[in-house]
N, C-alpha and C. Protein backbone atom coordinates (compact mmCIF):
# COMPACT_ATOMS: atom_id res chain seq x y z
N MET A 1 144.59 -37.00 34.01
CA MET A 1 144.43 -35.55 34.01
C MET A 1 143.02 -35.21 34.46
N THR A 2 142.94 -34.34 35.44
CA THR A 2 141.63 -33.87 35.88
C THR A 2 141.63 -32.35 35.93
N LEU A 3 140.46 -31.79 35.67
CA LEU A 3 140.24 -30.36 35.78
C LEU A 3 139.15 -30.12 36.81
N ALA A 4 139.39 -29.25 37.75
CA ALA A 4 138.38 -28.83 38.71
C ALA A 4 138.04 -27.38 38.41
N ILE A 5 136.76 -27.08 38.28
CA ILE A 5 136.33 -25.74 37.90
C ILE A 5 135.51 -25.15 39.03
N ASP A 6 135.95 -23.99 39.51
CA ASP A 6 135.29 -23.28 40.61
C ASP A 6 135.11 -21.82 40.23
N ARG A 7 134.06 -21.22 40.77
CA ARG A 7 133.90 -19.77 40.62
C ARG A 7 134.31 -19.13 41.94
N ILE A 8 135.24 -18.18 41.84
CA ILE A 8 135.67 -17.42 43.00
C ILE A 8 135.60 -15.95 42.60
N GLU A 9 134.71 -15.24 43.29
CA GLU A 9 134.43 -13.85 42.95
C GLU A 9 133.98 -13.80 41.48
N ASP A 10 134.60 -12.97 40.65
CA ASP A 10 134.19 -12.86 39.24
C ASP A 10 135.00 -13.75 38.32
N ALA A 11 135.85 -14.59 38.88
CA ALA A 11 136.73 -15.42 38.05
C ALA A 11 136.32 -16.89 38.09
N VAL A 12 136.59 -17.56 36.99
CA VAL A 12 136.50 -19.01 36.96
C VAL A 12 137.91 -19.52 37.18
N VAL A 13 138.08 -20.34 38.22
CA VAL A 13 139.38 -20.89 38.56
C VAL A 13 139.38 -22.35 38.12
N ILE A 14 140.29 -22.67 37.22
CA ILE A 14 140.40 -24.03 36.70
C ILE A 14 141.71 -24.61 37.20
N SER A 15 141.60 -25.65 38.01
CA SER A 15 142.77 -26.31 38.56
C SER A 15 143.05 -27.58 37.77
N ALA A 16 144.27 -27.69 37.27
CA ALA A 16 144.67 -28.85 36.49
C ALA A 16 145.56 -29.75 37.34
N GLU A 17 145.27 -31.05 37.30
CA GLU A 17 146.08 -32.00 38.05
C GLU A 17 146.53 -33.12 37.12
N GLY A 18 147.81 -33.43 37.16
CA GLY A 18 148.34 -34.49 36.32
C GLY A 18 149.22 -33.94 35.22
N GLN A 19 148.94 -34.39 33.98
CA GLN A 19 149.74 -33.99 32.84
C GLN A 19 148.83 -33.52 31.70
N ILE A 20 149.33 -32.54 30.96
CA ILE A 20 148.68 -32.16 29.70
C ILE A 20 149.65 -32.56 28.60
N ASN A 21 149.20 -33.49 27.76
CA ASN A 21 150.05 -34.00 26.70
C ASN A 21 149.23 -34.20 25.43
N SER A 22 149.84 -34.72 24.40
CA SER A 22 149.15 -34.88 23.12
C SER A 22 147.96 -35.83 23.23
N GLY A 23 147.96 -36.72 24.19
CA GLY A 23 146.86 -37.65 24.35
C GLY A 23 145.60 -37.04 24.92
N ASN A 24 145.72 -35.97 25.69
CA ASN A 24 144.53 -35.38 26.30
C ASN A 24 144.33 -33.89 25.97
N ALA A 25 145.22 -33.33 25.20
CA ALA A 25 145.15 -31.88 24.92
C ALA A 25 143.85 -31.47 24.24
N SER A 26 143.35 -32.28 23.32
CA SER A 26 142.12 -31.92 22.61
C SER A 26 140.92 -31.82 23.56
N ALA A 27 140.81 -32.77 24.47
CA ALA A 27 139.71 -32.74 25.43
C ALA A 27 139.83 -31.55 26.37
N ILE A 28 141.04 -31.26 26.80
CA ILE A 28 141.26 -30.11 27.69
C ILE A 28 140.95 -28.82 26.95
N GLU A 29 141.40 -28.73 25.71
CA GLU A 29 141.11 -27.55 24.89
C GLU A 29 139.61 -27.32 24.79
N ALA A 30 138.87 -28.38 24.50
CA ALA A 30 137.41 -28.25 24.37
C ALA A 30 136.78 -27.76 25.67
N GLU A 31 137.22 -28.29 26.79
CA GLU A 31 136.67 -27.87 28.09
C GLU A 31 137.01 -26.41 28.40
N LEU A 32 138.25 -26.02 28.18
CA LEU A 32 138.65 -24.64 28.48
C LEU A 32 137.94 -23.65 27.57
N LEU A 33 137.90 -23.93 26.28
CA LEU A 33 137.24 -23.00 25.35
C LEU A 33 135.74 -22.96 25.57
N SER A 34 135.16 -24.05 26.07
CA SER A 34 133.72 -24.03 26.35
C SER A 34 133.40 -23.03 27.46
N GLN A 35 134.33 -22.81 28.37
CA GLN A 35 134.11 -21.82 29.42
C GLN A 35 133.97 -20.42 28.80
N VAL A 36 134.79 -20.12 27.82
CA VAL A 36 134.70 -18.82 27.14
C VAL A 36 133.39 -18.74 26.36
N ASP A 37 133.03 -19.84 25.70
CA ASP A 37 131.78 -19.88 24.94
C ASP A 37 130.57 -19.67 25.83
N LYS A 38 130.68 -20.06 27.11
CA LYS A 38 129.60 -19.87 28.08
C LYS A 38 129.55 -18.44 28.61
N GLY A 39 130.52 -17.61 28.19
CA GLY A 39 130.53 -16.22 28.63
C GLY A 39 131.52 -15.89 29.71
N GLU A 40 132.35 -16.84 30.08
CA GLU A 40 133.37 -16.58 31.10
C GLU A 40 134.54 -15.86 30.45
N HIS A 41 134.90 -14.70 30.99
CA HIS A 41 135.98 -13.90 30.40
C HIS A 41 137.13 -13.64 31.36
N ARG A 42 137.02 -14.11 32.57
CA ARG A 42 138.09 -13.95 33.56
C ARG A 42 138.43 -15.35 34.07
N ILE A 43 139.55 -15.86 33.58
CA ILE A 43 139.91 -17.25 33.89
C ILE A 43 141.29 -17.31 34.54
N VAL A 44 141.34 -18.07 35.63
CA VAL A 44 142.59 -18.37 36.31
C VAL A 44 142.89 -19.85 36.09
N LEU A 45 144.08 -20.14 35.59
CA LEU A 45 144.54 -21.52 35.50
C LEU A 45 145.48 -21.76 36.66
N ASP A 46 145.04 -22.57 37.61
CA ASP A 46 145.86 -22.93 38.77
C ASP A 46 146.59 -24.22 38.41
N LEU A 47 147.89 -24.12 38.23
CA LEU A 47 148.69 -25.26 37.78
C LEU A 47 149.54 -25.86 38.90
N ALA A 48 149.14 -25.66 40.14
CA ALA A 48 149.90 -26.17 41.28
C ALA A 48 150.06 -27.68 41.24
N MET A 49 149.08 -28.38 40.72
CA MET A 49 149.11 -29.84 40.70
C MET A 49 149.43 -30.40 39.31
N LEU A 50 149.83 -29.53 38.40
CA LEU A 50 150.22 -29.98 37.06
C LEU A 50 151.69 -30.38 37.09
N SER A 51 151.96 -31.64 36.78
CA SER A 51 153.33 -32.14 36.86
C SER A 51 154.07 -32.09 35.53
N TYR A 52 153.33 -31.96 34.41
CA TYR A 52 153.98 -31.98 33.09
C TYR A 52 153.07 -31.29 32.08
N ILE A 53 153.67 -30.56 31.16
CA ILE A 53 152.93 -29.99 30.04
C ILE A 53 153.80 -30.12 28.79
N SER A 54 153.20 -30.64 27.73
CA SER A 54 153.92 -30.82 26.46
C SER A 54 153.65 -29.62 25.56
N SER A 55 154.23 -29.64 24.38
CA SER A 55 153.97 -28.57 23.42
C SER A 55 152.50 -28.54 23.04
N ALA A 56 151.83 -29.68 23.03
CA ALA A 56 150.39 -29.70 22.75
C ALA A 56 149.63 -28.96 23.85
N GLY A 57 150.08 -29.11 25.08
CA GLY A 57 149.47 -28.39 26.19
C GLY A 57 149.73 -26.90 26.13
N LEU A 58 150.93 -26.53 25.74
CA LEU A 58 151.24 -25.10 25.57
C LEU A 58 150.34 -24.49 24.51
N ARG A 59 150.08 -25.23 23.44
CA ARG A 59 149.20 -24.76 22.38
C ARG A 59 147.80 -24.49 22.93
N VAL A 60 147.32 -25.36 23.79
CA VAL A 60 146.00 -25.19 24.40
C VAL A 60 145.95 -23.90 25.20
N VAL A 61 146.97 -23.66 26.01
CA VAL A 61 147.01 -22.43 26.81
C VAL A 61 147.05 -21.21 25.91
N LEU A 62 147.82 -21.26 24.84
CA LEU A 62 147.90 -20.14 23.92
C LEU A 62 146.56 -19.90 23.23
N LEU A 63 145.87 -20.95 22.82
CA LEU A 63 144.55 -20.80 22.20
C LEU A 63 143.56 -20.16 23.16
N LEU A 64 143.60 -20.58 24.43
CA LEU A 64 142.72 -19.98 25.43
C LEU A 64 143.03 -18.50 25.61
N ALA A 65 144.30 -18.16 25.68
CA ALA A 65 144.69 -16.76 25.84
C ALA A 65 144.21 -15.93 24.64
N LYS A 66 144.37 -16.46 23.44
CA LYS A 66 143.94 -15.73 22.25
C LYS A 66 142.43 -15.55 22.22
N ARG A 67 141.69 -16.61 22.57
CA ARG A 67 140.23 -16.52 22.58
C ARG A 67 139.76 -15.48 23.59
N LEU A 68 140.38 -15.47 24.76
CA LEU A 68 140.01 -14.48 25.77
C LEU A 68 140.35 -13.07 25.32
N LYS A 69 141.46 -12.91 24.65
CA LYS A 69 141.84 -11.59 24.15
C LYS A 69 140.79 -11.07 23.16
N GLN A 70 140.25 -11.96 22.34
CA GLN A 70 139.23 -11.58 21.35
C GLN A 70 137.97 -11.03 22.01
N VAL A 71 137.68 -11.47 23.22
CA VAL A 71 136.48 -11.03 23.92
C VAL A 71 136.81 -10.07 25.07
N ASN A 72 137.99 -9.47 25.01
CA ASN A 72 138.46 -8.54 26.04
C ASN A 72 138.48 -9.19 27.42
N GLY A 73 138.83 -10.46 27.45
CA GLY A 73 138.92 -11.19 28.70
C GLY A 73 140.33 -11.18 29.26
N LYS A 74 140.53 -11.98 30.29
CA LYS A 74 141.82 -12.03 30.98
C LYS A 74 142.11 -13.45 31.42
N LEU A 75 143.33 -13.89 31.13
CA LEU A 75 143.83 -15.18 31.59
C LEU A 75 145.03 -14.95 32.49
N VAL A 76 145.01 -15.58 33.66
CA VAL A 76 146.14 -15.51 34.58
C VAL A 76 146.47 -16.93 35.02
N LEU A 77 147.73 -17.29 34.92
CA LEU A 77 148.21 -18.59 35.37
C LEU A 77 148.86 -18.41 36.73
N CYS A 78 148.70 -19.43 37.57
CA CYS A 78 149.32 -19.32 38.89
C CYS A 78 149.85 -20.65 39.38
N ALA A 79 150.77 -20.55 40.34
CA ALA A 79 151.29 -21.67 41.11
C ALA A 79 151.97 -22.74 40.26
N LEU A 80 152.74 -22.33 39.27
CA LEU A 80 153.44 -23.29 38.42
C LEU A 80 154.55 -24.00 39.18
N GLN A 81 154.58 -25.31 39.08
CA GLN A 81 155.70 -26.07 39.65
C GLN A 81 156.95 -25.75 38.84
N SER A 82 158.10 -25.95 39.43
CA SER A 82 159.35 -25.53 38.78
C SER A 82 159.56 -26.18 37.42
N ARG A 83 159.23 -27.45 37.26
CA ARG A 83 159.43 -28.10 35.97
C ARG A 83 158.48 -27.54 34.91
N VAL A 84 157.26 -27.26 35.31
CA VAL A 84 156.29 -26.68 34.38
C VAL A 84 156.69 -25.24 34.05
N ARG A 85 157.10 -24.49 35.06
CA ARG A 85 157.56 -23.11 34.83
C ARG A 85 158.72 -23.08 33.85
N GLU A 86 159.62 -24.04 33.95
CA GLU A 86 160.75 -24.10 33.03
C GLU A 86 160.30 -24.28 31.58
N VAL A 87 159.29 -25.11 31.37
CA VAL A 87 158.75 -25.31 30.01
C VAL A 87 158.15 -24.00 29.49
N PHE A 88 157.42 -23.30 30.33
CA PHE A 88 156.85 -22.01 29.93
C PHE A 88 157.96 -20.99 29.65
N TYR A 89 159.02 -21.02 30.45
CA TYR A 89 160.14 -20.10 30.26
C TYR A 89 160.86 -20.39 28.94
N ILE A 90 161.22 -21.63 28.71
CA ILE A 90 161.96 -22.01 27.50
C ILE A 90 161.15 -21.69 26.24
N SER A 91 159.84 -21.87 26.33
CA SER A 91 158.98 -21.62 25.16
C SER A 91 158.75 -20.12 24.93
N GLY A 92 159.11 -19.29 25.89
CA GLY A 92 158.88 -17.85 25.77
C GLY A 92 157.51 -17.42 26.27
N PHE A 93 156.74 -18.35 26.80
CA PHE A 93 155.38 -18.03 27.24
C PHE A 93 155.34 -17.15 28.48
N LEU A 94 156.37 -17.21 29.31
CA LEU A 94 156.38 -16.35 30.50
C LEU A 94 156.41 -14.88 30.11
N ALA A 95 156.94 -14.60 28.93
CA ALA A 95 157.01 -13.21 28.47
C ALA A 95 155.68 -12.71 27.89
N ILE A 96 154.80 -13.62 27.49
CA ILE A 96 153.56 -13.18 26.83
C ILE A 96 152.30 -13.46 27.63
N LEU A 97 152.43 -14.23 28.71
CA LEU A 97 151.28 -14.55 29.55
C LEU A 97 151.48 -13.94 30.93
N THR A 98 150.38 -13.74 31.63
CA THR A 98 150.44 -13.27 33.00
C THR A 98 150.55 -14.49 33.91
N VAL A 99 151.66 -14.57 34.63
CA VAL A 99 151.91 -15.71 35.52
C VAL A 99 152.28 -15.15 36.89
N VAL A 100 151.56 -15.62 37.92
CA VAL A 100 151.82 -15.17 39.28
C VAL A 100 152.00 -16.38 40.19
N ASP A 101 152.43 -16.13 41.41
CA ASP A 101 152.75 -17.22 42.33
C ASP A 101 151.53 -17.85 43.00
N THR A 102 150.52 -17.04 43.33
CA THR A 102 149.42 -17.57 44.13
C THR A 102 148.07 -17.42 43.43
N ARG A 103 147.16 -18.29 43.82
CA ARG A 103 145.79 -18.24 43.32
C ARG A 103 145.13 -16.91 43.72
N GLU A 104 145.36 -16.47 44.95
CA GLU A 104 144.76 -15.23 45.43
C GLU A 104 145.18 -14.03 44.58
N GLU A 105 146.46 -13.98 44.25
CA GLU A 105 146.96 -12.90 43.41
C GLU A 105 146.36 -12.98 42.01
N ALA A 106 146.22 -14.17 41.48
CA ALA A 106 145.63 -14.35 40.15
C ALA A 106 144.18 -13.86 40.12
N ILE A 107 143.44 -14.20 41.15
CA ILE A 107 142.03 -13.76 41.22
C ILE A 107 141.96 -12.25 41.32
N ARG A 108 142.85 -11.67 42.10
CA ARG A 108 142.88 -10.20 42.23
C ARG A 108 143.17 -9.54 40.89
N ILE A 109 144.11 -10.09 40.13
CA ILE A 109 144.48 -9.51 38.82
C ILE A 109 143.33 -9.62 37.84
N THR A 110 142.59 -10.73 37.86
CA THR A 110 141.46 -10.84 36.92
C THR A 110 140.38 -9.83 37.26
N ALA A 111 140.26 -9.48 38.53
CA ALA A 111 139.24 -8.53 38.94
C ALA A 111 139.53 -7.12 38.43
N ILE A 112 140.79 -6.81 38.16
CA ILE A 112 141.15 -5.48 37.66
C ILE A 112 141.50 -5.53 36.17
N ALA A 113 140.93 -6.52 35.49
CA ALA A 113 141.26 -6.74 34.07
C ALA A 113 140.79 -5.62 33.18
N ASP A 114 139.76 -4.92 33.58
CA ASP A 114 139.22 -3.86 32.70
C ASP A 114 140.10 -2.71 32.73
């Protein structure tokens, strides 16, 4: 599992590659939440290269969304592969998170978060 972190306009774009599972969820959680602790409030999770997410990974995404909500921030997920999208759908997360098809659209949405 690797995370690539880039700043594009006013958003931090975090690209995940590989799998998020119980073995690496804690480390990923620490990295994502550290971005909020550093003052980043507009975060895009680009999941185009994420091949698998477990319930532990879903928990990480939910914690990030809640932390951002506390600071009036915005989280947008983009480019979910079909298998990953299915996990988000079955869990009900598609109904509570902002999920779009492209990175460009996600960045645009974070820019109008206020």
